[in-house]
């Protein structure tokens, strides 16, 4: 059975759902950006935290505002995980 995952992400939080063999799971990742100097580093850590939760997925659907969604997709592609995202 394939593990299917979905991510709804914006700059404040990510909601990650997974379904495996009729079992459902929901996880949350909070972003805590503060000052503009460290904002970029915190976003990178945020995206890395979201990607770490996708371990074991065979397919990931990503939803959310286009800018944030696009940044996560690019980050996944640069990490070699772009194949998890189905073509639309």
Protein backbone atom coordinates (compact mmCIF):
# COMPACT_ATOMS: atom_id res chain seq x y z
CA UNK A 1 0.00 0.00 0.00
CA UNK A 2 1.33 3.42 -0.94
CA UNK A 3 1.63 6.22 1.60
CA UNK A 4 -0.13 9.23 0.14
CA UNK A 5 0.46 12.61 1.71
CA UNK A 6 -0.96 16.07 1.36
CA UNK A 7 0.53 19.36 2.51
CA UNK A 8 -1.32 22.64 2.91
CA UNK A 9 1.32 25.29 3.52
CA UNK A 10 1.54 29.04 3.99
CA UNK A 11 4.15 31.23 5.67
CA UNK A 12 2.74 30.58 9.16
CA UNK A 13 2.03 26.86 9.29
CA UNK A 14 1.88 23.61 7.39
CA UNK A 15 -0.75 20.91 7.80
CA UNK A 16 0.52 17.52 6.69
CA UNK A 17 -1.87 14.63 6.21
CA UNK A 18 -0.98 11.05 5.43
CA UNK A 19 -3.01 7.98 4.55
CA UNK A 20 -1.58 4.49 4.70
CA UNK A 21 -3.64 1.31 4.69
CA UNK A 22 -6.80 3.11 5.88
CA UNK A 23 -4.90 4.87 8.70
CA UNK A 24 -4.97 8.65 8.72
CA UNK A 25 -2.51 10.99 10.42
CA UNK A 26 -2.36 14.79 10.67
CA UNK A 27 0.75 16.71 11.70
CA UNK A 28 1.42 20.44 12.05
CA UNK A 29 4.58 22.46 11.58
CA UNK A 30 4.66 26.07 12.77
CA UNK A 31 6.86 28.73 11.23
CA UNK A 32 8.23 31.38 13.54
CA UNK A 33 9.69 34.14 11.38
CA UNK A 34 10.77 37.18 13.39
CA UNK A 35 13.22 39.77 12.08
CA UNK A 36 13.92 40.41 8.40
CA UNK A 37 17.63 39.56 8.80
CA UNK A 38 16.97 35.98 9.82
CA UNK A 39 13.65 35.52 8.01
CA UNK A 40 15.21 33.69 5.06
CA UNK A 41 17.12 31.27 7.31
CA UNK A 42 13.98 30.58 9.34
CA UNK A 43 11.99 29.89 6.17
CA UNK A 44 14.67 27.46 5.02
CA UNK A 45 14.48 25.68 8.40
CA UNK A 46 10.67 25.67 8.15
CA UNK A 47 10.72 24.06 4.70
CA UNK A 48 13.31 21.52 5.88
CA UNK A 49 11.06 20.64 8.86
CA UNK A 50 8.10 20.10 6.52
CA UNK A 51 10.18 17.96 4.15
CA UNK A 52 11.42 15.85 7.07
CA UNK A 53 7.79 14.94 7.86
CA UNK A 54 7.36 13.55 4.32
CA UNK A 55 9.68 10.60 4.97
CA UNK A 56 8.19 7.40 3.58
CA UNK A 57 5.77 9.11 1.21
CA UNK A 58 5.32 7.73 -2.26
CA UNK A 59 3.21 10.67 -3.42
CA UNK A 60 2.77 14.20 -2.05
CA UNK A 61 0.07 16.68 -3.10
CA UNK A 62 0.89 20.28 -2.16
CA UNK A 63 -1.72 23.00 -1.62
CA UNK A 64 -1.62 26.60 -0.44
CA UNK A 65 -0.77 30.08 -1.66
CA UNK A 66 1.21 29.85 -4.89
CA UNK A 67 4.37 31.58 -3.63
CA UNK A 68 4.79 29.41 -0.55
CA UNK A 69 3.68 26.26 -2.35
CA UNK A 70 6.14 27.01 -5.16
CA UNK A 71 8.99 27.56 -2.72
CA UNK A 72 8.34 24.19 -1.06
CA UNK A 73 8.16 22.46 -4.45
CA UNK A 74 11.48 24.01 -5.53
CA UNK A 75 13.03 22.99 -2.23
CA UNK A 76 11.80 19.41 -2.66
CA UNK A 77 13.13 19.31 -6.23
CA UNK A 78 16.55 20.56 -5.14
CA UNK A 79 16.56 17.87 -2.42
CA UNK A 80 15.87 15.14 -4.98
CA UNK A 81 12.24 14.69 -3.88
CA UNK A 82 10.56 16.27 -6.88
CA UNK A 83 9.47 12.83 -8.10
CA UNK A 84 7.03 12.57 -5.18
CA UNK A 85 4.93 15.41 -6.61
CA UNK A 86 2.46 14.15 -9.24
CA UNK A 87 2.25 16.01 -12.55
CA UNK A 88 -0.84 18.15 -12.91
